[in-house]
Amino acid sequence: MRLKMVSGLIVLAVIAVLAGSPSVGPAPAAAQSDEFACPNTGGTLITAITDDPVSLNGIYANDGASVAVLSYVFNPLTLGGENWGTEIKGDLAESWSVSEDGLTWTFNLHQGVKWHDGEELTAEDVVYTFQTIQTSEADIAPFRPRFMQGDEPIQFEAADDYTVVATLNAPNASFFTDISVPIVPRHALEGQDLREGPFNRAPIGTGPFKVVEWNTAESIVLEANEDYFRGRPCIDRLIFRIIPDEQTQVAALQTGEVDFLPNIPGASVPTFQDNPEFTVSIAEQDSLFQMFFNLDNPKFQDVRVRQALMMAIDRQAVVDIVRQGYGVVHNSHFDHVVPFYRQDKLGGYDYDPERAGALLDEAGITDSDGDGVRDVDGEPWVITIASFSGGFRDYSDYAVVVQAFWEDIGVQTELELRDLSTLVEQIYQERVVDKPFEVHTSGWSVIGPEPNSYANFYMWTDALGPNIPNYRNEEVNELFEAARVETDFDARMAIYEQIEVILWEELPTLPLYRNTEPAVLSSRFNIDDAVLDISLGTNFRHPERIYQN
C-alpha cells in the first residue's frame, strides 16, 4: 500500500508542473550532501548474477543480468523510469523547468561530473544519447517509443555545456520519466557498432563504479570511481560472480564466497533468518511475470483460446511451487506500483480447468478421438513454449508448471530452452512481425510508476512497428496517445484504466504473478545509509554508501 500511495503522489507532481504550477512538480535533486562520511573504507562486496550480461551498453541492453551491472556504471538524467526506481527526481539533472504550455523542458546538469576516463560530462552527451535512441537502425533496447510523439522525434539540443533543452509538439505528462535512461559518452561510443562494439564489454560511465574486468562465464569486476560526483564509494570493489544455479549461489553465500544476494529461493530463507551472520529483508518488488503470445500465429488469434489458457493455470500454485510462496498472483497488465492498481479490481480468470476446456471446445480445439490430446482437423494442437535456459529469473521453472497445467486440459505442450543472449535478441531487440516463438515466458521488473512505460509493450503503430506479442488494437493506441497529453491527473489515470480493462479482456499476454524478494546480506557489511531499494537496478538508493563493518 505504501508503494501505491507514493506512486500516485509522485506522478501527480509531474502532472501538476505540466498544468502550469511551477511550484509543484518533481522536486529538484538535492545538492550533493557533504554530511555523509564513510565510517570505513576499503573492502570488496561480492554478489552474483545467473548469466553474462548481453551487453554493458546502457542504451542497448535491458535484460536483468545486464541491468544488474550497468546500473552501477551509468547514471540517467532523471530517476523514476524503467530500472530507476519509484522516486521521481533528478540524477544527472540538478534542476529543471517547464514552459507554461508544457512544450519546452530545460534541464540543468550537475557541473563537474566526470566520465570514468576523466572527460567531463556535457549536454552534448545527453543529446547524443537521446538522438541515438531515436535514429539508430538497430532498435536498441525498448526505449525508442518514449522519445517519439506520433511519428515525430522529440527535439533535443544542447543550449550550452550544461543545459539540455527538449521541445515537444504536445504536452507529455510522462516525459520526465520517459527519458530516464542511462546517459552514454559521445566521445567514446560515437561511430561504434551499438550491438558489437568494444564499448559493450568495456563501458565508460559516470556511475559510482567502473568496469575493470569481465571474465566471460566467471565474473565482472568493478572498482570505485574516485571522482564520482556524489562522493567516492566506501568500498573499493564490487564483484559480480556469474553463477547460473540459484542453489549454488545460496551455497556460496553460506560459505562467504558471496556477500549479497538480492533474491534467494524462498525455501532457503529459514537458513538465514535466525543466523546472526546475515541480515534478511523481504519486500514486494515492482515486477510482473507473464506468458507472451505471438498473436500473428493463428493459434492464438481467438480470444477464447487465450482466456482458456489463462483459466487453465492455477496461478497461486505457480507462486507456491516456483517461488515457495514468495510472490503474489497479479491481476493486471500494469505493475502494482501504478497509481490505479487494485489487487481485487479485475477478475474472471480464477483457476477453472472445466471452463477452460469448454472455451477450447467452443473454439474448435477438441479431443475428437478421445486420446486425451486436443486436436484441430484431426491433427494434434501443439503449443511450443520458448524460455530461458540456466534458470534465469524463474522463467524456465514456471514454464514447466504452466506446461503441466495446459497438458491437464489436453493441450500438448513442448518446452524449448534457449540461452539468455539468443532469446533476448530474438524477442526484445527486433520489432518485426515474424517472431521466432509461439509462446514465451517473460516479464519485467522496476518499470516504475509511470503507466506510459507500458506503451512499448502494447502499442503498435506504423512508426513504431510491432510490439513483443504482435498485439495491435487501435483503441489502445489512441488511448495511450490521449493519456500522454492529458494534464489532469485523475482524467489521465482514468484513461489508463480503460486500457487496463481492454488488455484484461483481450489478454495479449497472461499476467501470472509478481515477486516478493528475500534479500540476504552478510553482516560484515552495513547498508543502512545505502538504503536497500529493490525497485532500482542497483538494489540501493546510494550504493556508494555501502561499507564494510
Protein backbone atom coordinates (compact mmCIF):
# COMPACT_ATOMS: atom_id res chain seq x y z
CA MET A 1 0.00 0.00 0.00
CA ARG A 2 2.83 2.36 0.75
CA LEU A 3 4.23 1.94 -2.73
CA LYS A 4 0.87 2.62 -4.31
CA MET A 5 0.39 5.81 -2.36
CA VAL A 6 3.88 7.08 -3.12
CA SER A 7 3.44 6.28 -6.81
CA GLY A 8 0.24 8.29 -7.03
CA LEU A 9 1.76 11.29 -5.32
CA ILE A 10 4.88 11.46 -7.42
CA VAL A 11 3.03 11.07 -10.71
CA LEU A 12 0.60 13.74 -9.53
CA ALA A 13 3.58 16.02 -9.01
CA VAL A 14 4.66 15.57 -12.62
CA ILE A 15 1.17 16.35 -13.87
CA ALA A 16 0.96 19.48 -11.78
CA VAL A 17 4.01 21.00 -13.43
CA LEU A 18 2.50 20.36 -16.86
CA ALA A 19 -0.71 22.01 -15.73
CA GLY A 20 1.17 25.22 -15.12
CA SER A 21 2.01 25.00 -11.42
CA PRO A 22 5.75 25.66 -11.45
CA SER A 23 6.00 25.49 -7.67
CA VAL A 24 4.81 21.87 -7.71
CA GLY A 25 6.48 19.04 -9.59
CA PRO A 26 9.28 16.57 -9.25
CA ALA A 27 11.42 18.12 -6.55
CA PRO A 28 14.80 19.26 -7.88
CA ALA A 29 17.51 16.86 -6.82
CA ALA A 30 19.08 17.82 -3.55
CA ALA A 31 22.57 19.16 -3.79
CA GLN A 32 25.27 16.64 -3.00
CA SER A 33 25.39 16.25 0.75
CA ASP A 34 28.77 16.65 2.46
CA GLU A 35 27.30 15.29 5.69
CA PHE A 36 27.88 11.63 4.90
CA ALA A 37 31.36 10.34 5.52
CA CYS A 38 32.27 6.69 5.14
CA PRO A 39 32.64 5.11 8.60
CA ASN A 40 35.06 2.66 6.97
CA THR A 41 36.69 2.50 3.57
CA GLY A 42 38.05 -0.38 1.56
CA GLY A 43 36.94 -3.94 1.05
CA THR A 44 35.13 -5.88 -1.65
CA LEU A 45 31.44 -6.73 -1.87
CA ILE A 46 30.69 -9.85 -3.88
CA THR A 47 27.27 -10.61 -5.35
CA ALA A 48 26.04 -12.96 -8.09
CA ILE A 49 24.11 -12.96 -11.36
CA THR A 50 22.88 -16.00 -13.26
CA ASP A 51 24.41 -15.28 -16.66
CA ASP A 52 26.72 -12.99 -18.55
CA PRO A 53 25.12 -9.70 -19.50
CA VAL A 54 24.01 -9.37 -23.10
CA SER A 55 25.91 -6.08 -23.14
CA LEU A 56 27.06 -3.29 -20.84
CA ASN A 57 25.99 -0.59 -23.27
CA GLY A 58 23.32 1.22 -21.27
CA ILE A 59 21.15 2.15 -24.26
CA TYR A 60 21.30 -1.26 -25.89
CA ALA A 61 20.89 -3.96 -23.24
CA ASN A 62 17.92 -4.05 -20.92
CA ASP A 63 17.84 -7.65 -19.68
CA GLY A 64 18.10 -8.40 -15.97
CA ALA A 65 21.71 -9.60 -15.98
CA SER A 66 22.88 -6.52 -17.91
CA VAL A 67 20.89 -4.02 -15.83
CA ALA A 68 22.21 -5.53 -12.58
CA VAL A 69 25.71 -4.42 -13.61
CA LEU A 70 25.22 -1.36 -15.79
CA SER A 71 23.07 0.40 -13.18
CA TYR A 72 26.24 0.79 -11.09
CA VAL A 73 28.16 2.11 -14.09
CA PHE A 74 25.82 4.72 -15.60
CA ASN A 75 23.50 7.50 -14.44
CA PRO A 76 20.29 8.69 -16.11
CA LEU A 77 19.31 12.33 -16.45
CA THR A 78 16.22 11.69 -14.31
CA LEU A 79 15.05 8.99 -11.93
CA GLY A 80 11.67 7.27 -11.73
CA GLY A 81 11.56 5.45 -15.05
CA GLU A 82 12.38 1.90 -16.04
CA ASN A 83 15.24 0.47 -13.95
CA TRP A 84 15.50 3.70 -11.96
CA GLY A 85 13.03 3.22 -9.13
CA THR A 86 9.78 4.74 -7.92
CA GLU A 87 11.23 8.07 -6.73
CA ILE A 88 10.81 10.78 -9.36
CA LYS A 89 13.66 13.28 -9.13
CA GLY A 90 16.80 14.38 -10.93
CA ASP A 91 20.04 12.47 -11.15
CA LEU A 92 22.49 14.00 -13.63
CA ALA A 93 19.94 16.81 -13.86
CA GLU A 94 20.47 19.15 -10.92
CA SER A 95 17.38 21.23 -11.72
CA TRP A 96 14.85 21.79 -14.50
CA SER A 97 11.98 23.97 -15.60
CA VAL A 98 8.96 23.59 -17.86
CA SER A 99 7.32 26.26 -20.01
CA GLU A 100 3.72 27.20 -19.21
CA ASP A 101 2.44 25.40 -22.31
CA GLY A 102 4.32 22.21 -21.32
CA LEU A 103 6.21 22.08 -24.63
CA THR A 104 9.71 23.18 -23.58
CA TRP A 105 11.69 21.42 -20.87
CA THR A 106 15.05 22.81 -19.76
CA PHE A 107 17.44 20.61 -17.77
CA ASN A 108 20.48 21.98 -15.93
CA LEU A 109 23.22 19.40 -15.42
CA HIS A 110 25.38 18.94 -12.38
CA GLN A 111 28.66 20.57 -13.31
CA GLY A 112 31.98 18.79 -12.94
CA VAL A 113 30.62 15.26 -13.45
CA LYS A 114 33.40 13.11 -14.89
CA TRP A 115 33.26 10.10 -17.14
CA HIS A 116 35.34 7.16 -15.96
CA ASP A 117 38.08 8.16 -18.43
CA GLY A 118 38.35 11.64 -16.90
CA GLU A 119 36.46 13.56 -19.58
CA GLU A 120 33.70 15.88 -18.37
CA LEU A 121 30.03 15.10 -18.96
CA THR A 122 28.34 17.78 -21.09
CA ALA A 123 24.92 18.43 -22.55
CA GLU A 124 26.20 17.06 -25.87
CA ASP A 125 26.42 13.60 -24.28
CA VAL A 126 22.78 13.77 -23.21
CA VAL A 127 21.64 14.91 -26.65
CA TYR A 128 23.77 12.22 -28.32
CA THR A 129 22.21 9.53 -26.11
CA PHE A 130 18.63 10.55 -26.86
CA GLN A 131 19.17 11.11 -30.58
CA THR A 132 20.96 7.78 -30.92
CA ILE A 133 17.95 6.02 -29.40
CA GLN A 134 15.70 7.86 -31.87
CA THR A 135 17.71 7.31 -35.04
CA SER A 136 19.73 4.10 -34.78
CA GLU A 137 18.91 1.47 -37.39
CA ALA A 138 19.16 -1.10 -34.62
CA ASP A 139 16.11 -0.94 -32.36
CA ILE A 140 18.28 -0.66 -29.27
CA ALA A 141 16.57 -1.69 -26.06
CA PRO A 142 12.86 -0.93 -25.69
CA PHE A 143 13.38 2.80 -25.30
CA ARG A 144 12.60 4.36 -28.69
CA PRO A 145 8.81 4.87 -28.26
CA ARG A 146 9.41 7.15 -25.28
CA PHE A 147 11.39 9.56 -27.43
CA MET A 148 8.75 9.87 -30.14
CA GLN A 149 5.47 11.76 -30.36
CA GLY A 150 3.39 10.10 -33.00
CA ASP A 151 5.72 9.73 -35.96
CA GLU A 152 7.90 12.66 -34.89
CA PRO A 153 11.01 12.52 -32.70
CA ILE A 154 11.17 14.86 -29.71
CA GLN A 155 13.74 17.57 -30.40
CA PHE A 156 16.78 17.83 -28.09
CA GLU A 157 19.54 20.40 -28.19
CA ALA A 158 22.47 21.50 -26.06
CA ALA A 159 21.95 25.18 -25.25
CA ASP A 160 25.41 25.23 -23.64
CA ASP A 161 27.74 22.73 -21.97
CA TYR A 162 25.40 22.20 -19.02
CA THR A 163 21.92 22.87 -20.39
CA VAL A 164 19.70 20.49 -22.37
CA VAL A 165 16.51 21.79 -23.97
CA ALA A 166 13.75 19.45 -25.12
CA THR A 167 11.00 20.68 -27.45
CA LEU A 168 7.78 18.67 -27.67
CA ASN A 169 4.97 19.01 -30.19
CA ALA A 170 2.35 18.39 -27.48
CA PRO A 171 2.40 18.24 -23.67
CA ASN A 172 3.57 14.87 -22.40
CA ALA A 173 2.71 14.08 -18.81
CA SER A 174 5.12 11.14 -18.72
CA PHE A 175 8.08 12.91 -20.31
CA PHE A 176 10.14 13.27 -17.13
CA THR A 177 10.25 9.52 -16.53
CA ASP A 178 10.22 8.52 -20.21
CA ILE A 179 13.73 9.93 -20.58
CA SER A 180 15.08 8.02 -17.57
CA VAL A 181 17.68 6.02 -19.50
CA PRO A 182 21.44 5.63 -18.99
CA ILE A 183 23.43 8.52 -20.45
CA VAL A 184 26.36 7.35 -22.57
CA PRO A 185 29.51 9.29 -23.66
CA ARG A 186 29.52 10.61 -27.17
CA HIS A 187 33.30 10.74 -27.39
CA ALA A 188 33.66 7.05 -26.50
CA LEU A 189 30.70 5.49 -28.32
CA GLU A 190 30.15 7.55 -31.47
CA GLY A 191 30.96 5.57 -34.59
CA GLN A 192 30.90 2.17 -32.87
CA ASP A 193 28.52 -0.66 -33.67
CA LEU A 194 25.91 -0.40 -30.93
CA ARG A 195 25.50 -4.17 -30.76
CA GLU A 196 29.03 -5.44 -31.26
CA GLY A 197 31.42 -2.55 -30.48
CA PRO A 198 34.15 -2.77 -27.80
CA PHE A 199 32.25 -0.30 -25.61
CA ASN A 200 29.73 -3.06 -24.86
CA ARG A 201 32.30 -5.00 -22.83
CA ALA A 202 34.39 -2.09 -21.56
CA PRO A 203 31.90 0.74 -21.00
CA ILE A 204 32.65 4.23 -19.76
CA GLY A 205 30.03 5.73 -17.49
CA THR A 206 29.58 8.33 -14.77
CA GLY A 207 28.35 5.93 -12.06
CA PRO A 208 29.86 5.08 -8.68
CA PHE A 209 31.77 2.10 -10.07
CA LYS A 210 33.70 1.42 -13.27
CA VAL A 211 34.21 -1.84 -15.14
CA VAL A 212 37.79 -3.07 -14.98
CA GLU A 213 37.46 -6.75 -15.89
CA TRP A 214 34.92 -9.10 -17.49
CA ASN A 215 35.80 -12.78 -17.47
CA THR A 216 33.10 -14.49 -19.53
CA ALA A 217 31.08 -17.05 -17.55
CA GLU A 218 33.10 -16.24 -14.42
CA SER A 219 32.91 -12.71 -13.10
CA ILE A 220 32.69 -8.97 -13.72
CA VAL A 221 34.86 -6.74 -11.56
CA LEU A 222 34.00 -3.11 -10.81
CA GLU A 223 36.21 -0.65 -8.96
CA ALA A 224 35.25 2.52 -7.09
CA ASN A 225 35.02 5.66 -9.18
CA GLU A 226 37.34 8.04 -7.36
CA ASP A 227 35.65 11.04 -8.98
CA TYR A 228 32.01 10.03 -8.51
CA PHE A 229 30.02 13.26 -8.23
CA ARG A 230 28.16 12.08 -5.12
CA GLY A 231 31.34 11.04 -3.38
CA ARG A 232 33.77 8.16 -3.74
CA PRO A 233 32.22 4.80 -2.77
CA CYS A 234 33.18 3.48 0.63
CA ILE A 235 34.11 0.04 -0.70
CA ASP A 236 36.93 -0.37 -3.20
CA ARG A 237 35.48 -3.11 -5.32
CA LEU A 238 32.22 -4.73 -6.37
CA ILE A 239 32.35 -8.18 -7.97
CA PHE A 240 29.55 -9.96 -9.82
CA ARG A 241 30.18 -13.69 -9.87
CA ILE A 242 28.35 -15.48 -12.68
CA ILE A 243 26.62 -18.47 -11.08
CA PRO A 244 23.77 -19.89 -13.16
CA ASP A 245 22.28 -22.12 -10.47
CA GLU A 246 20.40 -20.45 -7.60
CA GLN A 247 21.21 -23.16 -5.09
CA THR A 248 24.89 -22.79 -5.91
CA GLN A 249 24.53 -19.06 -5.28
CA VAL A 250 22.96 -19.79 -1.89
CA ALA A 251 25.76 -22.21 -1.02
CA ALA A 252 28.32 -19.53 -1.96
CA LEU A 253 26.54 -17.08 0.34
CA GLN A 254 26.70 -19.57 3.22
CA THR A 255 30.42 -20.17 2.75
CA GLY A 256 31.29 -16.49 2.41
CA GLU A 257 32.19 -16.66 -1.28
CA VAL A 258 29.29 -14.27 -1.92
CA ASP A 259 28.22 -11.43 0.39
CA PHE A 260 24.88 -10.29 -1.03
CA LEU A 261 22.02 -11.86 -2.97
CA PRO A 262 19.02 -9.65 -3.81
CA ASN A 263 16.70 -12.62 -4.35
CA ILE A 264 17.17 -16.07 -2.86
CA PRO A 265 14.78 -19.01 -3.27
CA GLY A 266 12.02 -18.96 -0.69
CA ALA A 267 12.94 -22.41 0.58
CA SER A 268 16.36 -21.06 1.58
CA VAL A 269 15.08 -18.16 3.68
CA PRO A 270 14.92 -20.08 7.02
CA THR A 271 18.62 -20.91 6.64
CA PHE A 272 19.49 -17.22 7.06
CA GLN A 273 16.66 -15.72 9.10
CA ASP A 274 17.95 -16.63 12.54
CA ASN A 275 21.63 -16.56 11.68
CA PRO A 276 23.44 -13.52 13.17
CA GLU A 277 25.96 -13.63 10.33
CA PHE A 278 23.29 -12.46 7.88
CA THR A 279 20.52 -9.88 7.51
CA VAL A 280 17.34 -10.86 5.67
CA SER A 281 15.00 -8.26 4.14
CA ILE A 282 11.77 -9.17 2.34
CA ALA A 283 9.91 -6.68 0.13
CA GLU A 284 7.37 -6.78 -2.69
CA GLN A 285 9.04 -5.95 -5.97
CA ASP A 286 7.83 -3.84 -8.86
CA SER A 287 7.69 -6.83 -11.20
CA LEU A 288 5.38 -8.92 -13.37
CA PHE A 289 5.92 -12.38 -14.84
CA GLN A 290 3.80 -13.48 -17.78
CA MET A 291 3.21 -15.76 -20.74
CA PHE A 292 3.59 -13.85 -24.01
CA PHE A 293 1.75 -14.94 -27.14
CA ASN A 294 2.81 -14.36 -30.72
CA LEU A 295 -0.55 -13.05 -31.89
CA ASP A 296 0.48 -13.26 -35.53
CA ASN A 297 0.22 -17.03 -35.08
CA PRO A 298 -3.31 -18.21 -36.00
CA LYS A 299 -3.36 -20.49 -32.96
CA PHE A 300 -3.82 -17.57 -30.60
CA GLN A 301 -5.94 -15.10 -32.54
CA ASP A 302 -9.22 -16.27 -30.99
CA VAL A 303 -9.56 -14.52 -27.63
CA ARG A 304 -11.38 -17.56 -26.25
CA VAL A 305 -8.19 -19.58 -26.66
CA ARG A 306 -6.14 -17.06 -24.69
CA GLN A 307 -8.80 -16.85 -21.99
CA ALA A 308 -8.96 -20.64 -21.77
CA LEU A 309 -5.20 -20.92 -21.39
CA MET A 310 -5.35 -18.34 -18.60
CA MET A 311 -8.08 -20.16 -16.66
CA ALA A 312 -6.21 -23.44 -17.08
CA ILE A 313 -3.36 -22.12 -14.90
CA ASP A 314 -3.60 -22.24 -11.11
CA ARG A 315 -1.60 -19.08 -10.63
CA GLN A 316 -1.40 -19.41 -6.84
CA ALA A 317 0.05 -22.88 -7.33
CA VAL A 318 2.65 -21.37 -9.66
CA VAL A 319 3.66 -18.96 -6.89
CA ASP A 320 3.75 -21.74 -4.30
CA ILE A 321 5.75 -24.15 -6.45
CA VAL A 322 8.15 -21.76 -8.19
CA ARG A 323 8.52 -19.07 -5.53
CA GLN A 324 7.77 -21.14 -2.41
CA GLY A 325 5.07 -18.58 -1.67
CA TYR A 326 7.27 -15.50 -2.15
CA GLY A 327 5.06 -13.88 -4.75
CA VAL A 328 1.55 -12.51 -5.29
CA VAL A 329 -0.95 -13.51 -8.00
CA HIS A 330 -1.24 -10.43 -10.22
CA ASN A 331 -4.45 -9.12 -11.82
CA SER A 332 -3.46 -6.52 -14.37
CA HIS A 333 -1.10 -5.90 -17.27
CA PHE A 334 0.26 -2.95 -15.27
CA ASP A 335 2.54 -3.40 -12.25
CA HIS A 336 1.18 -2.81 -8.78
CA VAL A 337 3.11 0.47 -8.34
CA VAL A 338 0.99 2.36 -10.89
CA PRO A 339 -1.48 4.61 -9.03
CA PHE A 340 -4.65 2.80 -10.12
CA TYR A 341 -3.67 -0.82 -9.41
CA ARG A 342 -6.03 -2.69 -7.08
CA GLN A 343 -5.50 -6.35 -6.36
CA ASP A 344 -9.19 -7.28 -6.46
CA LYS A 345 -10.44 -4.82 -9.09
CA LEU A 346 -10.22 -7.18 -12.06
CA GLY A 347 -11.21 -10.81 -12.01
CA GLY A 348 -12.76 -13.58 -14.07
CA TYR A 349 -9.72 -15.76 -14.60
CA ASP A 350 -9.63 -17.87 -11.46
CA TYR A 351 -8.38 -21.42 -11.94
CA ASP A 352 -11.19 -23.27 -13.71
CA PRO A 353 -9.98 -26.14 -15.94
CA GLU A 354 -13.55 -27.19 -16.74
CA ARG A 355 -14.43 -23.74 -18.07
CA ALA A 356 -11.07 -23.59 -19.89
CA GLY A 357 -11.84 -26.85 -21.66
CA ALA A 358 -15.31 -25.63 -22.63
CA LEU A 359 -13.85 -22.47 -24.19
CA LEU A 360 -11.38 -24.51 -26.24
CA ASP A 361 -14.26 -26.73 -27.36
CA GLU A 362 -16.15 -23.61 -28.49
CA ALA A 363 -13.07 -22.51 -30.42
CA GLY A 364 -12.94 -25.84 -32.25
CA ILE A 365 -9.95 -27.26 -30.36
CA THR A 366 -11.35 -30.58 -29.16
CA ASP A 367 -10.30 -34.10 -28.30
CA SER A 368 -12.04 -35.64 -31.29
CA ASP A 369 -10.65 -39.16 -30.92
CA GLY A 370 -10.66 -39.47 -27.12
CA ASP A 371 -6.89 -39.93 -26.77
CA GLY A 372 -6.58 -37.10 -24.22
CA VAL A 373 -4.91 -34.70 -26.65
CA ARG A 374 -6.83 -31.84 -28.23
CA ASP A 375 -6.70 -31.58 -31.99
CA VAL A 376 -7.88 -29.48 -34.92
CA ASP A 377 -8.93 -31.24 -38.13
CA GLY A 378 -7.54 -34.49 -36.77
CA GLU A 379 -4.05 -33.07 -36.08
CA PRO A 380 -2.78 -32.58 -32.51
CA TRP A 381 -2.99 -28.94 -31.39
CA VAL A 382 0.52 -28.34 -30.02
CA ILE A 383 1.93 -25.28 -28.28
CA THR A 384 5.68 -24.65 -28.05
CA ILE A 385 6.86 -22.54 -25.11
CA ALA A 386 10.22 -20.79 -25.51
CA SER A 387 12.03 -19.98 -22.28
CA PHE A 388 15.44 -19.14 -20.90
CA SER A 389 17.95 -21.85 -20.11
CA GLY A 390 20.07 -21.65 -16.98
CA GLY A 391 17.28 -20.83 -14.55
CA PHE A 392 17.29 -17.12 -15.35
CA ARG A 393 14.76 -15.39 -13.09
CA ASP A 394 12.49 -18.44 -12.61
CA TYR A 395 11.36 -18.31 -16.26
CA SER A 396 12.08 -21.93 -17.10
CA ASP A 397 10.74 -23.06 -13.71
CA TYR A 398 7.33 -21.54 -14.17
CA ALA A 399 7.30 -22.62 -17.83
CA VAL A 400 7.38 -26.23 -16.62
CA VAL A 401 4.50 -25.63 -14.20
CA VAL A 402 2.38 -23.87 -16.85
CA GLN A 403 3.16 -26.70 -19.28
CA ALA A 404 1.75 -29.20 -16.78
CA PHE A 405 -1.47 -27.22 -16.30
CA TRP A 406 -2.03 -26.89 -20.05
CA GLU A 407 -1.44 -30.58 -20.58
CA ASP A 408 -4.02 -31.27 -17.84
CA ILE A 409 -6.70 -29.86 -20.18
CA GLY A 410 -5.44 -31.84 -23.16
CA VAL A 411 -3.15 -29.25 -24.77
CA GLN A 412 0.04 -30.91 -25.94
CA THR A 413 2.87 -28.58 -24.94
CA GLU A 414 6.56 -28.63 -25.79
CA LEU A 415 9.24 -26.64 -23.94
CA GLU A 416 12.21 -25.18 -25.82
CA LEU A 417 15.04 -23.62 -23.80
CA ARG A 418 17.33 -21.00 -25.34
CA ASP A 419 20.30 -19.18 -23.86
CA LEU A 420 19.81 -15.70 -22.47
CA SER A 421 21.54 -13.66 -25.18
CA THR A 422 19.83 -15.53 -28.01
CA LEU A 423 16.34 -15.21 -26.63
CA VAL A 424 16.81 -11.56 -25.63
CA GLU A 425 17.97 -10.70 -29.15
CA GLN A 426 15.15 -12.66 -30.78
CA ILE A 427 12.37 -11.26 -28.62
CA TYR A 428 13.34 -7.79 -27.43
CA GLN A 429 15.66 -6.30 -30.00
CA GLU A 430 13.77 -6.90 -33.22
CA ARG A 431 10.49 -5.05 -33.82
CA VAL A 432 9.32 -7.44 -36.53
CA VAL A 433 6.13 -9.42 -37.11
CA ASP A 434 7.91 -12.65 -37.96
CA LYS A 435 8.83 -13.69 -34.42
CA PRO A 436 10.69 -16.92 -33.61
CA PHE A 437 8.29 -18.13 -30.93
CA GLU A 438 4.71 -19.21 -30.36
CA VAL A 439 4.54 -18.53 -26.63
CA HIS A 440 7.37 -17.44 -24.36
CA THR A 441 7.93 -16.78 -20.70
CA SER A 442 8.91 -13.22 -19.96
CA GLY A 443 8.29 -10.30 -17.72
CA TRP A 444 9.91 -7.25 -16.28
CA SER A 445 10.87 -5.54 -13.08
CA VAL A 446 11.50 -1.99 -11.90
CA ILE A 447 9.38 -0.43 -14.64
CA GLY A 448 8.38 2.39 -12.26
CA PRO A 449 5.09 4.13 -11.52
CA GLU A 450 4.60 5.84 -14.89
CA PRO A 451 1.83 4.00 -16.82
CA ASN A 452 3.05 5.24 -20.19
CA SER A 453 6.07 2.94 -19.82
CA TYR A 454 3.76 0.11 -20.85
CA ALA A 455 3.03 1.68 -24.23
CA ASN A 456 6.10 -0.04 -25.60
CA PHE A 457 4.62 -3.45 -24.79
CA TYR A 458 1.08 -2.85 -26.07
CA MET A 459 1.22 -0.10 -28.71
CA TRP A 460 1.77 -0.93 -32.37
CA THR A 461 1.79 1.95 -34.81
CA ASP A 462 3.21 2.21 -38.31
CA ALA A 463 6.04 4.38 -36.95
CA LEU A 464 6.96 2.12 -34.03
CA GLY A 465 6.38 -1.24 -35.62
CA PRO A 466 5.11 -4.37 -33.87
CA ASN A 467 5.47 -4.91 -30.13
CA ILE A 468 6.59 -8.13 -28.45
CA PRO A 469 3.24 -10.00 -28.60
CA ASN A 470 2.31 -8.61 -32.04
CA TYR A 471 -0.73 -7.05 -30.38
CA ARG A 472 -2.50 -4.32 -32.34
CA ASN A 473 -5.60 -2.55 -31.08
CA GLU A 474 -6.23 0.90 -32.50
CA GLU A 475 -8.32 1.91 -29.49
CA VAL A 476 -5.43 1.05 -27.17
CA ASN A 477 -3.04 3.02 -29.40
CA GLU A 478 -5.33 6.05 -29.27
CA LEU A 479 -5.83 5.80 -25.52
CA PHE A 480 -2.10 5.69 -24.85
CA GLU A 481 -1.64 8.76 -27.04
CA ALA A 482 -4.50 10.56 -25.27
CA ALA A 483 -3.10 9.77 -21.82
CA ARG A 484 0.30 11.19 -22.68
CA VAL A 485 -1.12 14.66 -23.30
CA GLU A 486 -3.80 14.69 -20.57
CA THR A 487 -2.64 17.05 -17.82
CA ASP A 488 -5.43 16.39 -15.33
CA PHE A 489 -4.16 13.59 -13.09
CA ASP A 490 -7.49 11.89 -12.38
CA ALA A 491 -8.57 12.08 -16.02
CA ARG A 492 -5.24 10.69 -17.12
CA MET A 493 -5.33 7.73 -14.76
CA ALA A 494 -8.91 7.04 -15.89
CA ILE A 495 -7.64 6.67 -19.46
CA TYR A 496 -5.04 4.17 -18.36
CA GLU A 497 -7.72 2.26 -16.50
CA GLN A 498 -9.63 1.98 -19.78
CA ILE A 499 -6.51 0.44 -21.32
CA GLU A 500 -6.21 -1.89 -18.35
CA VAL A 501 -9.78 -3.18 -18.88
CA ILE A 502 -9.24 -3.78 -22.61
CA LEU A 503 -5.99 -5.64 -22.06
CA TRP A 504 -7.57 -7.75 -19.33
CA GLU A 505 -10.40 -8.71 -21.67
CA GLU A 506 -8.19 -9.43 -24.68
CA LEU A 507 -5.20 -10.99 -22.86
CA PRO A 508 -2.38 -10.33 -25.34
CA THR A 509 -0.24 -11.74 -22.53
CA LEU A 510 -1.16 -13.79 -19.46
CA PRO A 511 -0.15 -11.99 -16.25
CA LEU A 512 0.77 -14.58 -13.62
CA TYR A 513 2.45 -13.13 -10.54
CA ARG A 514 4.80 -10.55 -9.09
CA ASN A 515 7.71 -11.27 -6.77
CA THR A 516 8.31 -10.70 -3.14
CA GLU A 517 12.08 -10.74 -2.85
CA PRO A 518 14.05 -12.19 0.08
CA ALA A 519 17.38 -10.31 0.02
CA VAL A 520 20.25 -11.59 2.16
CA LEU A 521 23.37 -9.63 3.14
CA SER A 522 26.43 -10.70 5.08
CA SER A 523 26.55 -8.89 8.43
CA ARG A 524 30.12 -7.92 7.56
CA PHE A 525 28.57 -5.07 5.56
CA ASN A 526 26.38 -2.13 6.53
CA ILE A 527 23.73 -0.80 4.12
CA ASP A 528 21.74 1.47 6.47
CA ASP A 529 22.84 4.62 4.66
CA ALA A 530 22.88 2.93 1.26
CA VAL A 531 19.13 2.19 1.68
CA LEU A 532 18.05 -1.15 0.22
CA ASP A 533 15.52 -0.50 -2.57
CA ILE A 534 14.83 -3.37 -4.94
CA SER A 535 12.90 -1.05 -7.26
CA LEU A 536 16.32 0.08 -8.53
CA GLY A 537 18.68 -1.80 -10.81
CA THR A 538 21.42 -1.35 -8.23
CA ASN A 539 19.13 -2.50 -5.38
CA PHE A 540 20.37 0.52 -3.39
CA ARG A 541 19.47 4.21 -3.46
CA HIS A 542 23.05 5.16 -2.52
CA PRO A 543 25.34 2.28 -3.48
CA GLU A 544 28.32 4.48 -2.81
CA ARG A 545 27.41 4.32 0.91
CA ILE A 546 27.75 0.56 1.33
CA TYR A 547 30.62 -0.03 3.73
CA GLN A 548 32.34 -2.89 5.46
CA ASN A 549 31.89 -3.07 9.24
